[in-house]
PDB file of N, CA and C in Angstrom:
ATOM      1  N   MET A   1      34.449  52.177  13.443  1.00  0.00           N
ATOM      2  CA  MET A   1      35.402  52.685  14.415  1.00  0.00           C
ATOM      3  C   MET A   1      34.818  52.556  15.818  1.00  0.00           C
ATOM      4  N   ALA A   2      35.572  51.922  16.702  1.00  0.00           N
ATOM      5  CA  ALA A   2      35.143  51.744  18.086  1.00  0.00           C
ATOM      6  C   ALA A   2      35.476  52.992  18.912  1.00  0.00           C
ATOM      7  N   THR A   3      34.755  53.154  19.989  1.00  0.00           N
ATOM      8  CA  THR A   3      34.940  54.301  20.883  1.00  0.00           C
ATOM      9  C   THR A   3      35.168  53.811  22.317  1.00  0.00           C
ATOM     10  N   LEU A   4      35.521  54.734  23.196  1.00  0.00           N
ATOM     11  CA  LEU A   4      35.634  54.364  24.613  1.00  0.00           C
ATOM     12  C   LEU A   4      34.293  53.928  25.175  1.00  0.00           C
ATOM     13  N   ASP A   5      33.201  54.488  24.670  1.00  0.00           N
ATOM     14  CA  ASP A   5      31.876  54.042  25.121  1.00  0.00           C
ATOM     15  C   ASP A   5      31.638  52.584  24.747  1.00  0.00           C
ATOM     16  N   ASP A   6      32.100  52.164  23.565  1.00  0.00           N
ATOM     17  CA  ASP A   6      32.000  50.752  23.179  1.00  0.00           C
ATOM     18  C   ASP A   6      32.812  49.888  24.143  1.00  0.00           C
ATOM     19  N   LEU A   7      34.007  50.356  24.480  1.00  0.00           N
ATOM     20  CA  LEU A   7      34.839  49.625  25.420  1.00  0.00           C
ATOM     21  C   LEU A   7      34.138  49.514  26.773  1.00  0.00           C
ATOM     22  N   ARG A   8      33.560  50.607  27.217  1.00  0.00           N
ATOM     23  CA  ARG A   8      32.845  50.596  28.505  1.00  0.00           C
ATOM     24  C   ARG A   8      31.670  49.619  28.477  1.00  0.00           C
ATOM     25  N   ARG A   9      30.944  49.556  27.365  1.00  0.00           N
ATOM     26  CA  ARG A   9      29.819  48.611  27.258  1.00  0.00           C
ATOM     27  C   ARG A   9      30.307  47.176  27.411  1.00  0.00           C
ATOM     28  N   THR A  10      31.474  46.880  26.879  1.00  0.00           N
ATOM     29  CA  THR A  10      32.033  45.531  27.023  1.00  0.00           C
ATOM     30  C   THR A  10      32.435  45.272  28.465  1.00  0.00           C
ATOM     31  N   THR A  11      33.120  46.225  29.094  1.00  0.00           N
ATOM     32  CA  THR A  11      33.639  45.992  30.445  1.00  0.00           C
ATOM     33  C   THR A  11      32.527  45.869  31.486  1.00  0.00           C
ATOM     34  N   VAL A  12      31.389  46.509  31.247  1.00  0.00           N
ATOM     35  CA  VAL A  12      30.277  46.423  32.193  1.00  0.00           C
ATOM     36  C   VAL A  12      29.818  44.973  32.356  1.00  0.00           C
ATOM     37  N   GLY A  13      29.937  44.179  31.298  1.00  0.00           N
ATOM     38  CA  GLY A  13      29.508  42.786  31.362  1.00  0.00           C
ATOM     39  C   GLY A  13      30.551  41.827  31.888  1.00  0.00           C
ATOM     40  N   LEU A  14      31.705  42.330  32.278  1.00  0.00           N
ATOM     41  CA  LEU A  14      32.783  41.462  32.766  1.00  0.00           C
ATOM     42  C   LEU A  14      32.799  41.487  34.295  1.00  0.00           C
ATOM     43  N   PRO A  15      32.583  40.339  34.932  1.00  0.00           N
ATOM     44  CA  PRO A  15      32.518  40.295  36.402  1.00  0.00           C
ATOM     45  C   PRO A  15      33.769  40.866  37.063  1.00  0.00           C
ATOM     46  N   GLY A  16      33.557  41.696  38.058  1.00  0.00           N
ATOM     47  CA  GLY A  16      34.654  42.259  38.832  1.00  0.00           C
ATOM     48  C   GLY A  16      35.403  43.389  38.146  1.00  0.00           C
ATOM     49  N   SER A  17      34.928  43.813  36.983  1.00  0.00           N
ATOM     50  CA  SER A  17      35.608  44.881  36.259  1.00  0.00           C
ATOM     51  C   SER A  17      35.339  46.224  36.915  1.00  0.00           C
ATOM     52  N   ASP A  18      36.378  47.046  36.936  1.00  0.00           N
ATOM     53  CA  ASP A  18      36.300  48.338  37.607  1.00  0.00           C
ATOM     54  C   ASP A  18      37.020  49.376  36.754  1.00  0.00           C
ATOM     55  N   GLU A  19      36.316  50.447  36.376  1.00  0.00           N
ATOM     56  CA  GLU A  19      36.946  51.541  35.637  1.00  0.00           C
ATOM     57  C   GLU A  19      37.452  52.578  36.621  1.00  0.00           C
ATOM     58  N   ARG A  20      38.670  53.052  36.371  1.00  0.00           N
ATOM     59  CA  ARG A  20      39.258  54.092  37.221  1.00  0.00           C
ATOM     60  C   ARG A  20      39.847  55.192  36.339  1.00  0.00           C
ATOM     61  N   ALA A  21      39.778  56.396  36.837  1.00  0.00           N
ATOM     62  CA  ALA A  21      40.459  57.515  36.169  1.00  0.00           C
ATOM     63  C   ALA A  21      41.901  57.500  36.660  1.00  0.00           C
ATOM     64  N   THR A  22      42.839  57.536  35.712  1.00  0.00           N
ATOM     65  CA  THR A  22      44.258  57.562  36.066  1.00  0.00           C
ATOM     66  C   THR A  22      44.881  58.813  35.463  1.00  0.00           C
ATOM     67  N   THR A  23      46.119  59.064  35.780  1.00  0.00           N
ATOM     68  CA  THR A  23      46.825  60.215  35.237  1.00  0.00           C
ATOM     69  C   THR A  23      46.823  60.194  33.714  1.00  0.00           C
ATOM     70  N   GLY A  24      46.927  59.007  33.130  1.00  0.00           N
ATOM     71  CA  GLY A  24      46.988  58.874  31.678  1.00  0.00           C
ATOM     72  C   GLY A  24      45.642  58.748  30.997  1.00  0.00           C
ATOM     73  N   GLY A  25      44.560  58.682  31.743  1.00  0.00           N
ATOM     74  CA  GLY A  25      43.233  58.510  31.159  1.00  0.00           C
ATOM     75  C   GLY A  25      42.483  57.388  31.858  1.00  0.00           C
ATOM     76  N   ALA A  26      41.479  56.844  31.204  1.00  0.00           N
ATOM     77  CA  ALA A  26      40.681  55.768  31.788  1.00  0.00           C
ATOM     78  C   ALA A  26      41.473  54.467  31.775  1.00  0.00           C
ATOM     79  N   ALA A  27      41.225  53.641  32.802  1.00  0.00           N
ATOM     80  CA  ALA A  27      41.864  52.329  32.884  1.00  0.00           C
ATOM     81  C   ALA A  27      40.879  51.359  33.512  1.00  0.00           C
ATOM     82  N   TRP A  28      40.982  50.086  33.130  1.00  0.00           N
ATOM     83  CA  TRP A  28      40.072  49.063  33.610  1.00  0.00           C
ATOM     84  C   TRP A  28      40.854  47.978  34.323  1.00  0.00           C
ATOM     85  N   PHE A  29      40.326  47.572  35.477  1.00  0.00           N
ATOM     86  CA  PHE A  29      40.977  46.602  36.346  1.00  0.00           C
ATOM     87  C   PHE A  29      39.994  45.478  36.679  1.00  0.00           C
ATOM     88  N   VAL A  30      40.545  44.314  36.979  1.00  0.00           N
ATOM     89  CA  VAL A  30      39.755  43.224  37.542  1.00  0.00           C
ATOM     90  C   VAL A  30      40.503  42.753  38.782  1.00  0.00           C
ATOM     91  N   ARG A  31      39.828  42.840  39.930  1.00  0.00           N
ATOM     92  CA  ARG A  31      40.438  42.471  41.205  1.00  0.00           C
ATOM     93  C   ARG A  31      41.794  43.162  41.398  1.00  0.00           C
ATOM     94  N   GLY A  32      41.857  44.435  41.004  1.00  0.00           N
ATOM     95  CA  GLY A  32      43.060  45.239  41.191  1.00  0.00           C
ATOM     96  C   GLY A  32      44.134  45.061  40.136  1.00  0.00           C
ATOM     97  N   LYS A  33      43.887  44.197  39.138  1.00  0.00           N
ATOM     98  CA  LYS A  33      44.877  43.976  38.083  1.00  0.00           C
ATOM     99  C   LYS A  33      44.448  44.689  36.807  1.00  0.00           C
ATOM    100  N   LEU A  34      45.338  45.509  36.285  1.00  0.00           N
ATOM    101  CA  LEU A  34      45.086  46.270  35.065  1.00  0.00           C
ATOM    102  C   LEU A  34      44.939  45.338  33.875  1.00  0.00           C
ATOM    103  N   TYR A  35      43.899  45.563  33.047  1.00  0.00           N
ATOM    104  CA  TYR A  35      43.774  44.760  31.831  1.00  0.00           C
ATOM    105  C   TYR A  35      43.540  45.592  30.577  1.00  0.00           C
ATOM    106  N   ALA A  36      43.114  46.827  30.691  1.00  0.00           N
ATOM    107  CA  ALA A  36      42.934  47.706  29.523  1.00  0.00           C
ATOM    108  C   ALA A  36      43.109  49.148  29.984  1.00  0.00           C
ATOM    109  N   TRP A  37      43.621  49.980  29.082  1.00  0.00           N
ATOM    110  CA  TRP A  37      43.869  51.366  29.460  1.00  0.00           C
ATOM    111  C   TRP A  37      43.918  52.265  28.237  1.00  0.00           C
ATOM    112  N   GLU A  38      43.568  53.497  28.466  1.00  0.00           N
ATOM    113  CA  GLU A  38      43.701  54.543  27.458  1.00  0.00           C
ATOM    114  C   GLU A  38      45.160  54.995  27.476  1.00  0.00           C
ATOM    115  N   CYS A  39      45.825  54.915  26.332  1.00  0.00           N
ATOM    116  CA  CYS A  39      47.251  55.259  26.270  1.00  0.00           C
ATOM    117  C   CYS A  39      47.450  56.769  26.331  1.00  0.00           C
ATOM    118  N   HIS A  40      48.537  57.154  26.939  1.00  0.00           N
ATOM    119  CA  HIS A  40      48.923  58.554  27.090  1.00  0.00           C
ATOM    120  C   HIS A  40      50.329  58.711  26.499  1.00  0.00           C
ATOM    121  N   PRO A  41      50.631  59.809  25.844  1.00  0.00           N
ATOM    122  CA  PRO A  41      51.955  59.972  25.207  1.00  0.00           C
ATOM    123  C   PRO A  41      53.068  60.317  26.199  1.00  0.00           C
ATOM    124  N   TRP A  42      53.384  59.382  27.072  1.00  0.00           N
ATOM    125  CA  TRP A  42      54.432  59.592  28.064  1.00  0.00           C
ATOM    126  C   TRP A  42      55.786  59.772  27.381  1.00  0.00           C
ATOM    127  N   PRO A  43      56.692  60.529  27.987  1.00  0.00           N
ATOM    128  CA  PRO A  43      58.027  60.730  27.396  1.00  0.00           C
ATOM    129  C   PRO A  43      58.816  59.423  27.199  1.00  0.00           C
ATOM    130  N   SER A  44      58.519  58.397  27.979  1.00  0.00           N
ATOM    131  CA  SER A  44      59.247  57.126  27.866  1.00  0.00           C
ATOM    132  C   SER A  44      58.865  56.315  26.626  1.00  0.00           C
ATOM    133  N   ILE A  45      57.790  56.698  25.970  1.00  0.00           N
ATOM    134  CA  ILE A  45      57.338  55.994  24.763  1.00  0.00           C
ATOM    135  C   ILE A  45      58.142  56.510  23.568  1.00  0.00           C
ATOM    136  N   PRO A  46      58.542  55.622  22.651  1.00  0.00           N
ATOM    137  CA  PRO A  46      59.283  56.080  21.464  1.00  0.00           C
ATOM    138  C   PRO A  46      58.559  57.215  20.742  1.00  0.00           C
ATOM    139  N   ALA A  47      59.312  58.163  20.202  1.00  0.00           N
ATOM    140  CA  ALA A  47      58.761  59.397  19.633  1.00  0.00           C
ATOM    141  C   ALA A  47      57.711  59.155  18.557  1.00  0.00           C
ATOM    142  N   ASP A  48      57.947  58.207  17.645  1.00  0.00           N
ATOM    143  CA  ASP A  48      56.970  57.989  16.575  1.00  0.00           C
ATOM    144  C   ASP A  48      55.631  57.491  17.123  1.00  0.00           C
ATOM    145  N   MET A  49      55.702  56.643  18.117  1.00  0.00           N
ATOM    146  CA  MET A  49      54.464  56.146  18.721  1.00  0.00           C
ATOM    147  C   MET A  49      53.814  57.207  19.590  1.00  0.00           C
ATOM    148  N   ARG A  50      54.628  58.013  20.232  1.00  0.00           N
ATOM    149  CA  ARG A  50      54.101  59.102  21.061  1.00  0.00           C
ATOM    150  C   ARG A  50      53.289  60.071  20.210  1.00  0.00           C
ATOM    151  N   GLU A  51      53.760  60.339  18.995  1.00  0.00           N
ATOM    152  CA  GLU A  51      53.016  61.220  18.084  1.00  0.00           C
ATOM    153  C   GLU A  51      51.655  60.626  17.735  1.00  0.00           C
ATOM    154  N   THR A  52      51.624  59.334  17.458  1.00  0.00           N
ATOM    155  CA  THR A  52      50.364  58.659  17.132  1.00  0.00           C
ATOM    156  C   THR A  52      49.408  58.723  18.318  1.00  0.00           C
ATOM    157  N   ILE A  53      49.927  58.415  19.502  1.00  0.00           N
ATOM    158  CA  ILE A  53      49.094  58.403  20.709  1.00  0.00           C
ATOM    159  C   ILE A  53      48.577  59.803  21.030  1.00  0.00           C
ATOM    160  N   ALA A  54      49.380  60.830  20.768  1.00  0.00           N
ATOM    161  CA  ALA A  54      48.952  62.210  21.020  1.00  0.00           C
ATOM    162  C   ALA A  54      47.882  62.655  20.025  1.00  0.00           C
ATOM    163  N   ALA A  55      47.918  62.092  18.817  1.00  0.00           N
ATOM    164  CA  ALA A  55      47.024  62.543  17.751  1.00  0.00           C
ATOM    165  C   ALA A  55      45.687  61.812  17.703  1.00  0.00           C
ATOM    166  N   GLU A  56      45.628  60.595  18.247  1.00  0.00           N
ATOM    167  CA  GLU A  56      44.388  59.824  18.156  1.00  0.00           C
ATOM    168  C   GLU A  56      44.220  58.934  19.374  1.00  0.00           C
ATOM    169  N   LEU A  57      43.029  58.376  19.508  1.00  0.00           N
ATOM    170  CA  LEU A  57      42.731  57.503  20.639  1.00  0.00           C
ATOM    171  C   LEU A  57      43.397  56.150  20.435  1.00  0.00           C
ATOM    172  N   VAL A  58      44.254  55.794  21.379  1.00  0.00           N
ATOM    173  CA  VAL A  58      44.959  54.507  21.369  1.00  0.00           C
ATOM    174  C   VAL A  58      44.680  53.838  22.710  1.00  0.00           C
ATOM    175  N   VAL A  59      44.364  52.544  22.653  1.00  0.00           N
ATOM    176  CA  VAL A  59      44.074  51.764  23.849  1.00  0.00           C
ATOM    177  C   VAL A  59      45.065  50.615  23.926  1.00  0.00           C
ATOM    178  N   GLY A  60      45.469  50.281  25.134  1.00  0.00           N
ATOM    179  CA  GLY A  60      46.343  49.142  25.361  1.00  0.00           C
ATOM    180  C   GLY A  60      45.588  48.062  26.112  1.00  0.00           C
ATOM    181  N   VAL A  61      45.931  46.807  25.842  1.00  0.00           N
ATOM    182  CA  VAL A  61      45.339  45.672  26.549  1.00  0.00           C
ATOM    183  C   VAL A  61      46.422  44.645  26.853  1.00  0.00           C
ATOM    184  N   LYS A  62      46.199  43.886  27.915  1.00  0.00           N
ATOM    185  CA  LYS A  62      47.073  42.761  28.225  1.00  0.00           C
ATOM    186  C   LYS A  62      46.767  41.641  27.242  1.00  0.00           C
ATOM    187  N   VAL A  63      47.780  40.850  26.944  1.00  0.00           N
ATOM    188  CA  VAL A  63      47.622  39.653  26.115  1.00  0.00           C
ATOM    189  C   VAL A  63      48.265  38.490  26.853  1.00  0.00           C
ATOM    190  N   ALA A  64      47.941  37.275  26.430  1.00  0.00           N
ATOM    191  CA  ALA A  64      48.423  36.085  27.131  1.00  0.00           C
ATOM    192  C   ALA A  64      49.943  35.967  27.089  1.00  0.00           C
ATOM    193  N   ASP A  65      50.535  36.266  25.951  1.00  0.00           N
ATOM    194  CA  ASP A  65      51.995  36.207  25.850  1.00  0.00           C
ATOM    195  C   ASP A  65      52.472  37.096  24.713  1.00  0.00           C
ATOM    196  N   ARG A  66      53.783  37.268  24.631  1.00  0.00           N
ATOM    197  CA  ARG A  66      54.367  38.164  23.626  1.00  0.00           C
ATOM    198  C   ARG A  66      54.047  37.715  22.200  1.00  0.00           C
ATOM    199  N   LEU A  67      53.922  36.405  21.990  1.00  0.00           N
ATOM    200  CA  LEU A  67      53.610  35.906  20.647  1.00  0.00           C
ATOM    201  C   LEU A  67      52.236  36.389  20.185  1.00  0.00           C
ATOM    202  N   ASP A  68      51.285  36.469  21.104  1.00  0.00           N
ATOM    203  CA  ASP A  68      49.964  37.014  20.756  1.00  0.00           C
ATOM    204  C   ASP A  68      50.083  38.461  20.303  1.00  0.00           C
ATOM    205  N   ALA A  69      50.877  39.241  21.036  1.00  0.00           N
ATOM    206  CA  ALA A  69      51.067  40.648  20.677  1.00  0.00           C
ATOM    207  C   ALA A  69      51.740  40.764  19.315  1.00  0.00           C
ATOM    208  N   LEU A  70      52.789  39.974  19.094  1.00  0.00           N
ATOM    209  CA  LEU A  70      53.489  40.011  17.803  1.00  0.00           C
ATOM    210  C   LEU A  70      52.579  39.611  16.658  1.00  0.00           C
ATOM    211  N   ALA A  71      51.737  38.606  16.884  1.00  0.00           N
ATOM    212  CA  ALA A  71      50.812  38.162  15.839  1.00  0.00           C
ATOM    213  C   ALA A  71      49.838  39.274  15.459  1.00  0.00           C
ATOM    214  N   LEU A  72      49.329  39.993  16.442  1.00  0.00           N
ATOM    215  CA  LEU A  72      48.403  41.095  16.152  1.00  0.00           C
ATOM    216  C   LEU A  72      49.101  42.198  15.364  1.00  0.00           C
ATOM    217  N   VAL A  73      50.324  42.545  15.763  1.00  0.00           N
ATOM    218  CA  VAL A  73      51.076  43.594  15.069  1.00  0.00           C
ATOM    219  C   VAL A  73      51.367  43.156  13.634  1.00  0.00           C
ATOM    220  N   GLU A  74      51.747  41.905  13.450  1.00  0.00           N
ATOM    221  CA  GLU A  74      52.031  41.392  12.101  1.00  0.00           C
ATOM    222  C   GLU A  74      50.763  41.364  11.245  1.00  0.00           C
ATOM    223  N   MET A  75      49.637  41.007  11.860  1.00  0.00           N
ATOM    224  CA  MET A  75      48.370  40.894  11.148  1.00  0.00           C
ATOM    225  C   MET A  75      47.886  42.252  10.630  1.00  0.00           C
ATOM    226  N   ALA A  76      48.034  43.278  11.445  1.00  0.00           N
ATOM    227  CA  ALA A  76      47.523  44.612  11.078  1.00  0.00           C
ATOM    228  C   ALA A  76      48.453  45.694  11.633  1.00  0.00           C
ATOM    229  N   PRO A  77      49.623  45.883  11.031  1.00  0.00           N
ATOM    230  CA  PRO A  77      50.584  46.854  11.563  1.00  0.00           C
ATOM    231  C   PRO A  77      50.099  48.301  11.498  1.00  0.00           C
ATOM    232  N   ASP A  78      49.102  48.572  10.677  1.00  0.00           N
ATOM    233  CA  ASP A  78      48.545  49.924  10.621  1.00  0.00           C
ATOM    234  C   ASP A  78      47.583  50.193  11.780  1.00  0.00           C
ATOM    235  N   VAL A  79      47.173  49.131  12.485  1.00  0.00           N
ATOM    236  CA  VAL A  79      46.238  49.269  13.605  1.00  0.00           C
ATOM    237  C   VAL A  79      46.943  49.024  14.938  1.00  0.00           C
ATOM    238  N   PHE A  80      47.714  47.951  15.009  1.00  0.00           N
ATOM    239  CA  PHE A  80      48.382  47.563  16.249  1.00  0.00           C
ATOM    240  C   PHE A  80      49.792  48.142  16.286  1.00  0.00           C
ATOM    241  N   LEU A  81      50.134  48.726  17.436  1.00  0.00           N
ATOM    242  CA  LEU A  81      51.445  49.341  17.603  1.00  0.00           C
ATOM    243  C   LEU A  81      52.389  48.365  18.297  1.00  0.00           C
ATOM    244  N   ARG A  82      53.660  48.492  17.980  1.00  0.00           N
ATOM    245  CA  ARG A  82      54.628  47.656  18.696  1.00  0.00           C
ATOM    246  C   ARG A  82      54.641  48.063  20.162  1.00  0.00           C
ATOM    247  N   THR A  83      55.350  47.342  20.966  1.00  0.00           N
ATOM    248  CA  THR A  83      55.391  47.587  22.410  1.00  0.00           C
ATOM    249  C   THR A  83      55.676  49.056  22.697  1.00  0.00           C
ATOM    250  N   THR A  84      54.881  49.631  23.571  1.00  0.00           N
ATOM    251  CA  THR A  84      54.996  51.060  23.855  1.00  0.00           C
ATOM    252  C   THR A  84      55.905  51.375  25.038  1.00  0.00           C
ATOM    253  N   THR A  85      56.140  50.400  25.909  1.00  0.00           N
ATOM    254  CA  THR A  85      56.983  50.638  27.077  1.00  0.00           C
ATOM    255  C   THR A  85      57.882  49.437  27.314  1.00  0.00           C
ATOM    256  N   ALA A  86      58.851  49.628  28.147  1.00  0.00           N
ATOM    257  CA  ALA A  86      59.812  48.564  28.420  1.00  0.00           C
ATOM    258  C   ALA A  86      59.321  47.570  29.477  1.00  0.00           C
ATOM    259  N   TRP A  87      58.270  47.930  30.242  1.00  0.00           N
ATOM    260  CA  TRP A  87      57.875  46.982  31.283  1.00  0.00           C
ATOM    261  C   TRP A  87      57.443  45.682  30.636  1.00  0.00           C
ATOM    262  N   GLY A  88      57.839  44.578  31.269  1.00  0.00           N
ATOM    263  CA  GLY A  88      57.876  43.285  30.621  1.00  0.00           C
ATOM    264  C   GLY A  88      56.590  42.523  30.406  1.00  0.00           C
ATOM    265  N   GLU A  89      55.488  42.930  30.962  1.00  0.00           N
ATOM    266  CA  GLU A  89      54.264  42.146  30.803  1.00  0.00           C
ATOM    267  C   GLU A  89      53.761  42.225  29.368  1.00  0.00           C
ATOM    268  N   PRO A  90      53.287  41.095  28.825  1.00  0.00           N
ATOM    269  CA  PRO A  90      52.794  41.107  27.441  1.00  0.00           C
ATOM    270  C   PRO A  90      51.568  42.009  27.279  1.00  0.00           C
ATOM    271  N   LYS A  91      51.631  42.862  26.280  1.00  0.00           N
ATOM    272  CA  LYS A  91      50.545  43.811  26.026  1.00  0.00           C
ATOM    273  C   LYS A  91      50.616  44.251  24.577  1.00  0.00           C
ATOM    274  N   VAL A  92      49.549  44.881  24.135  1.00  0.00           N
ATOM    275  CA  VAL A  92      49.538  45.446  22.791  1.00  0.00           C
ATOM    276  C   VAL A  92      48.668  46.704  22.826  1.00  0.00           C
ATOM    277  N   ALA A  93      49.063  47.684  22.037  1.00  0.00           N
ATOM    278  CA  ALA A  93      48.280  48.915  21.919  1.00  0.00           C
ATOM    279  C   ALA A  93      47.734  48.986  20.503  1.00  0.00           C
ATOM    280  N   PHE A  94      46.568  49.600  20.363  1.00  0.00           N
ATOM    281  CA  PHE A  94      45.955  49.682  19.037  1.00  0.00           C
ATOM    282  C   PHE A  94      45.197  50.983  18.869  1.00  0.00           C
ATOM    283  N   ARG A  95      45.117  51.399  17.604  1.00  0.00           N
ATOM    284  CA  ARG A  95      44.355  52.602  17.241  1.00  0.00           C
ATOM    285  C   ARG A  95      42.870  52.239  17.235  1.00  0.00           C
ATOM    286  N   MET A  96      42.110  52.948  18.019  1.00  0.00           N
ATOM    287  CA  MET A  96      40.670  52.666  18.082  1.00  0.00           C
ATOM    288  C   MET A  96      40.002  52.910  16.733  1.00  0.00           C
ATOM    289  N   ALA A  97      40.535  53.822  15.943  1.00  0.00           N
ATOM    290  CA  ALA A  97      39.953  54.112  14.625  1.00  0.00           C
ATOM    291  C   ALA A  97      40.036  52.915  13.689  1.00  0.00           C
ATOM    292  N   GLY A  98      40.935  51.978  13.971  1.00  0.00           N
ATOM    293  CA  GLY A  98      41.105  50.820  13.104  1.00  0.00           C
ATOM    294  C   GLY A  98      40.428  49.557  13.595  1.00  0.00           C
ATOM    295  N   ILE A  99      39.684  49.647  14.685  1.00  0.00           N
ATOM    296  CA  ILE A  99      39.064  48.468  15.308  1.00  0.00           C
ATOM    297  C   ILE A  99      37.553  48.592  15.225  1.00  0.00           C
ATOM    298  N   ASP A 100      36.890  47.498  14.847  1.00  0.00           N
ATOM    299  CA  ASP A 100      35.419  47.520  14.905  1.00  0.00           C
ATOM    300  C   ASP A 100      34.970  47.057  16.295  1.00  0.00           C
ATOM    301  N   GLU A 101      33.701  47.253  16.587  1.00  0.00           N
ATOM    302  CA  GLU A 101      33.189  46.967  17.932  1.00  0.00           C
ATOM    303  C   GLU A 101      33.358  45.508  18.326  1.00  0.00           C
ATOM    304  N   ASP A 102      33.147  44.582  17.398  1.00  0.00           N
ATOM    305  CA  ASP A 102      33.270  43.156  17.722  1.00  0.00           C
ATOM    306  C   ASP A 102      34.713  42.785  18.065  1.00  0.00           C
ATOM    307  N   HIS A 103      35.653  43.295  17.276  1.00  0.00           N
ATOM    308  CA  HIS A 103      37.061  42.996  17.550  1.00  0.00           C
ATOM    309  C   HIS A 103      37.493  43.638  18.868  1.00  0.00           C
ATOM    310  N   LEU A 104      37.016  44.844  19.141  1.00  0.00           N
ATOM    311  CA  LEU A 104      37.306  45.502  20.408  1.00  0.00           C
ATOM    312  C   LEU A 104      36.804  44.648  21.568  1.00  0.00           C
ATOM    313  N   ALA A 105      35.568  44.167  21.473  1.00  0.00           N
ATOM    314  CA  ALA A 105      34.998  43.341  22.544  1.00  0.00           C
ATOM    315  C   ALA A 105      35.838  42.077  22.758  1.00  0.00           C
ATOM    316  N   GLU A 106      36.301  41.483  21.668  1.00  0.00           N
ATOM    317  CA  GLU A 106      37.141  40.284  21.774  1.00  0.00           C
ATOM    318  C   GLU A 106      38.473  40.599  22.458  1.00  0.00           C
ATOM    319  N   LEU A 107      39.131  41.679  22.039  1.00  0.00           N
ATOM    320  CA  LEU A 107      40.415  42.064  22.626  1.00  0.00           C
ATOM    321  C   LEU A 107      40.287  42.375  24.121  1.00  0.00           C
ATOM    322  N   VAL A 108      39.249  43.114  24.473  1.00  0.00           N
ATOM    323  CA  VAL A 108      39.060  43.517  25.873  1.00  0.00           C
ATOM    324  C   VAL A 108      38.682  42.313  26.738  1.00  0.00           C
ATOM    325  N   THR A 109      37.807  41.460  26.231  1.00  0.00           N
ATOM    326  CA  THR A 109      37.420  40.271  26.989  1.00  0.00           C
ATOM    327  C   THR A 109      38.604  39.334  27.169  1.00  0.00           C
ATOM    328  N   ASP A 110      39.402  39.148  26.131  1.00  0.00           N
ATOM    329  CA  ASP A 110      40.597  38.315  26.249  1.00  0.00           C
ATOM    330  C   ASP A 110      41.576  38.904  27.266  1.00  0.00           C
ATOM    331  N   ALA A 111      41.735  40.227  27.260  1.00  0.00           N
ATOM    332  CA  ALA A 111      42.620  40.886  28.229  1.00  0.00           C
ATOM    333  C   ALA A 111      42.105  40.677  29.647  1.00  0.00           C
ATOM    334  N   TRP A 112      40.796  40.802  29.818  1.00  0.00           N
ATOM    335  CA  TRP A 112      40.182  40.562  31.127  1.00  0.00           C
ATOM    336  C   TRP A 112      40.470  39.133  31.579  1.00  0.00           C
ATOM    337  N   ARG A 113      40.326  38.161  30.677  1.00  0.00           N
ATOM    338  CA  ARG A 113      40.587  36.754  31.003  1.00  0.00           C
ATOM    339  C   ARG A 113      42.037  36.525  31.448  1.00  0.00           C
ATOM    340  N   VAL A 114      42.973  37.253  30.850  1.00  0.00           N
ATOM    341  CA  VAL A 114      44.382  37.126  31.228  1.00  0.00           C
ATOM    342  C   VAL A 114      44.573  37.503  32.694  1.00  0.00           C
ATOM    343  N   GLN A 115      43.841  38.501  33.170  1.00  0.00           N
ATOM    344  CA  GLN A 115      44.051  39.028  34.516  1.00  0.00           C
ATOM    345  C   GLN A 115      43.051  38.506  35.554  1.00  0.00           C
ATOM    346  N   ALA A 116      41.902  38.036  35.134  1.00  0.00           N
ATOM    347  CA  ALA A 116      40.846  37.646  36.078  1.00  0.00           C
ATOM    348  C   ALA A 116      41.164  36.319  36.764  1.00  0.00           C
ATOM    349  N   PRO A 117      40.786  36.197  38.024  1.00  0.00           N
ATOM    350  CA  PRO A 117      40.941  34.907  38.697  1.00  0.00           C
ATOM    351  C   PRO A 117      39.961  33.875  38.115  1.00  0.00           C
ATOM    352  N   LYS A 118      40.255  32.600  38.351  1.00  0.00           N
ATOM    353  CA  LYS A 118      39.452  31.510  37.783  1.00  0.00           C
ATOM    354  C   LYS A 118      37.967  31.634  38.107  1.00  0.00           C
ATOM    355  N   TYR A 119      37.639  31.978  39.357  1.00  0.00           N
ATOM    356  CA  TYR A 119      36.236  32.005  39.727  1.00  0.00           C
ATOM    357  C   TYR A 119      35.458  33.063  38.933  1.00  0.00           C
ATOM    358  N   LEU A 120      36.094  34.178  38.583  1.00  0.00           N
ATOM    359  CA  LEU A 120      35.413  35.188  37.770  1.00  0.00           C
ATOM    360  C   LEU A 120      35.320  34.739  36.315  1.00  0.00           C
ATOM    361  N   ARG A 121      36.347  34.062  35.811  1.00  0.00           N
ATOM    362  CA  ARG A 121      36.273  33.525  34.442  1.00  0.00           C
ATOM    363  C   ARG A 121      35.151  32.510  34.357  1.00  0.00           C
ATOM    364  N   ARG A 122      35.022  31.659  35.377  1.00  0.00           N
ATOM    365  CA  ARG A 122      33.922  30.677  35.389  1.00  0.00           C
ATOM    366  C   ARG A 122      32.566  31.392  35.430  1.00  0.00           C
ATOM    367  N   GLU A 123      32.484  32.452  36.210  1.00  0.00           N
ATOM    368  CA  GLU A 123      31.232  33.217  36.295  1.00  0.00           C
ATOM    369  C   GLU A 123      30.837  33.763  34.936  1.00  0.00           C
ATOM    370  N   LEU A 124      31.799  34.311  34.197  1.00  0.00           N
ATOM    371  CA  LEU A 124      31.517  34.824  32.854  1.00  0.00           C
ATOM    372  C   LEU A 124      31.088  33.695  31.931  1.00  0.00           C
ATOM    373  N   ASP A 125      31.792  32.569  32.009  1.00  0.00           N
ATOM    374  CA  ASP A 125      31.452  31.427  31.141  1.00  0.00           C
ATOM    375  C   ASP A 125      30.067  30.890  31.464  1.00  0.00           C
ATOM    376  N   ASP A 126      29.680  30.875  32.741  1.00  0.00           N
ATOM    377  CA  ASP A 126      28.347  30.397  33.133  1.00  0.00           C
ATOM    378  C   ASP A 126      27.258  31.313  32.607  1.00  0.00           C
ATOM    379  N   VAL A 127      27.510  32.614  32.597  1.00  0.00           N
ATOM    380  CA  VAL A 127      26.524  33.584  32.074  1.00  0.00           C
ATOM    381  C   VAL A 127      26.359  33.378  30.567  1.00  0.00           C
ATOM    382  N   GLY A 128      27.464  33.081  29.870  1.00  0.00           N
ATOM    383  CA  GLY A 128      27.439  32.903  28.429  1.00  0.00           C
ATOM    384  C   GLY A 128      26.823  31.592  27.970  1.00  0.00           C
ATOM    385  N   SER A 129      26.689  30.620  28.897  1.00  0.00           N
ATOM    386  CA  SER A 129      26.129  29.312  28.496  1.00  0.00           C
ATOM    387  C   SER A 129      24.628  29.284  28.477  1.00  0.00           C
TER     388      SER A 129
END
């Protein structure tokens, strides 16, 4: 089971990443663009999902497109939640209890890549080479 500390360890290694406290909990940005966040049971979220989010730690991340989000939900519907809000950007939310640290790092890094400018993506790739 992954934790917010595991998520923070991943984000520290991502160039330009910035953690901020928001009304709904912790959120991570790159160059001012949101890429990962701690979900909060807002009234606008469907009731069944709101109950899950209120009862356990759920994190949301940006994805490249809606098909990526649908694939994750289809792959593990007990872990990945369907869209939590109506705003149109592709994203997916997941139960942290169902994610291991490696998968969390992959999801968060991919979300960062969706939002990061090219020069920061190149910087990360250069560090990894």
